[in-house]
């Protein structure tokens, strides 16, 4: 298993649009993926479960990946979250 912490930069957190994008990316990952926020552990492959986690702007989350493609999948997910999931410009604003 590999994991990495990241701070969510989306101004409105992971509401429907970015949650849908993240869910779509996670669904393409061959490894098992888990997002951890505090004591909540959620499967980001489900947009409803992801939204129910209540991840807001400036929340620190941990992305965990386990499986044959875990390193690739982790990099893909971290890059997507860092890039704002379609909501931020290139400078994270």
Protein backbone atom coordinates (compact mmCIF):
# COMPACT_ATOMS: atom_id res chain seq x y z
CA UNK A 1 0.00 0.00 0.00
CA UNK A 2 1.12 3.54 -0.78
CA UNK A 3 -0.38 6.76 0.57
CA UNK A 4 0.06 10.50 0.42
CA UNK A 5 -1.52 13.47 2.21
CA UNK A 6 -2.87 16.44 0.28
CA UNK A 7 -4.83 19.57 1.11
CA UNK A 8 -8.01 20.16 -0.89
CA UNK A 9 -7.81 23.55 -2.62
CA UNK A 10 -11.25 23.66 -4.27
CA UNK A 11 -13.08 26.72 -2.87
CA UNK A 12 -16.29 24.74 -2.31
CA UNK A 13 -14.59 21.48 -1.38
CA UNK A 14 -15.56 18.25 -3.11
CA UNK A 15 -19.09 19.17 -4.16
CA UNK A 16 -20.86 17.40 -7.02
CA UNK A 17 -18.73 18.48 -9.99
CA UNK A 18 -15.23 17.82 -8.57
CA UNK A 19 -16.48 14.75 -6.70
CA UNK A 20 -17.81 13.38 -9.99
CA UNK A 21 -14.50 14.03 -11.72
CA UNK A 22 -12.52 12.42 -8.90
CA UNK A 23 -14.89 9.45 -8.81
CA UNK A 24 -14.45 8.95 -12.55
CA UNK A 25 -10.66 9.01 -12.23
CA UNK A 26 -10.71 6.67 -9.21
CA UNK A 27 -13.02 4.25 -11.04
CA UNK A 28 -10.38 3.82 -13.74
CA UNK A 29 -7.76 2.83 -11.15
CA UNK A 30 -7.05 -0.89 -10.97
CA UNK A 31 -5.95 -0.69 -7.35
CA UNK A 32 -8.15 -0.40 -4.28
CA UNK A 33 -8.45 3.29 -3.45
CA UNK A 34 -9.42 4.87 -0.12
CA UNK A 35 -9.66 8.51 0.92
CA UNK A 36 -9.17 9.22 4.60
CA UNK A 37 -10.43 12.39 6.31
CA UNK A 38 -10.11 12.27 10.07
CA UNK A 39 -11.82 9.06 11.18
CA UNK A 40 -13.74 8.67 7.90
CA UNK A 41 -12.49 6.17 5.31
CA UNK A 42 -14.35 6.34 1.99
CA UNK A 43 -14.20 4.70 -1.41
CA UNK A 44 -13.87 7.55 -3.94
CA UNK A 45 -15.09 5.31 -6.74
CA UNK A 46 -18.63 6.18 -5.55
CA UNK A 47 -19.55 9.84 -6.04
CA UNK A 48 -22.31 9.66 -3.41
CA UNK A 49 -19.99 8.17 -0.78
CA UNK A 50 -17.34 10.74 -1.68
CA UNK A 51 -19.78 13.64 -1.28
CA UNK A 52 -21.06 12.21 2.02
CA UNK A 53 -17.53 12.50 3.44
CA UNK A 54 -18.03 16.28 3.58
CA UNK A 55 -14.56 17.20 2.34
CA UNK A 56 -14.18 20.99 2.38
CA UNK A 57 -11.63 23.51 1.20
CA UNK A 58 -8.37 23.30 3.19
CA UNK A 59 -9.21 19.83 4.55
CA UNK A 60 -6.19 17.53 4.62
CA UNK A 61 -6.99 14.10 3.24
CA UNK A 62 -4.90 10.99 2.75
CA UNK A 63 -5.15 9.04 -0.49
CA UNK A 64 -4.34 5.34 -0.11
CA UNK A 65 -3.87 2.90 -2.98
CA UNK A 66 -3.28 -0.83 -2.74
CA UNK A 67 -2.74 -3.17 -5.68
CA UNK A 68 -0.54 -3.88 -8.68
CA UNK A 69 -0.83 -0.33 -10.06
CA UNK A 70 -0.85 1.45 -6.68
CA UNK A 71 2.05 3.83 -7.37
CA UNK A 72 0.63 4.92 -10.74
CA UNK A 73 -2.87 5.27 -9.34
CA UNK A 74 -1.69 7.32 -6.36
CA UNK A 75 0.22 9.71 -8.63
CA UNK A 76 -2.81 10.10 -10.92
CA UNK A 77 -5.18 10.84 -8.03
CA UNK A 78 -2.82 13.23 -6.23
CA UNK A 79 -2.16 15.14 -9.46
CA UNK A 80 -5.91 15.41 -10.14
CA UNK A 81 -6.66 16.71 -6.64
CA UNK A 82 -3.70 19.11 -6.73
CA UNK A 83 -4.92 20.39 -10.10
CA UNK A 84 -8.31 21.30 -8.65
CA UNK A 85 -10.38 18.69 -10.49
CA UNK A 86 -11.25 21.17 -13.23
CA UNK A 87 -11.97 24.11 -10.91
CA UNK A 88 -8.63 25.81 -10.31
CA UNK A 89 -6.20 27.63 -12.54
CA UNK A 90 -2.63 26.38 -12.81
CA UNK A 91 -1.55 28.23 -9.66
CA UNK A 92 -3.99 26.54 -7.23
CA UNK A 93 -6.23 29.61 -6.85
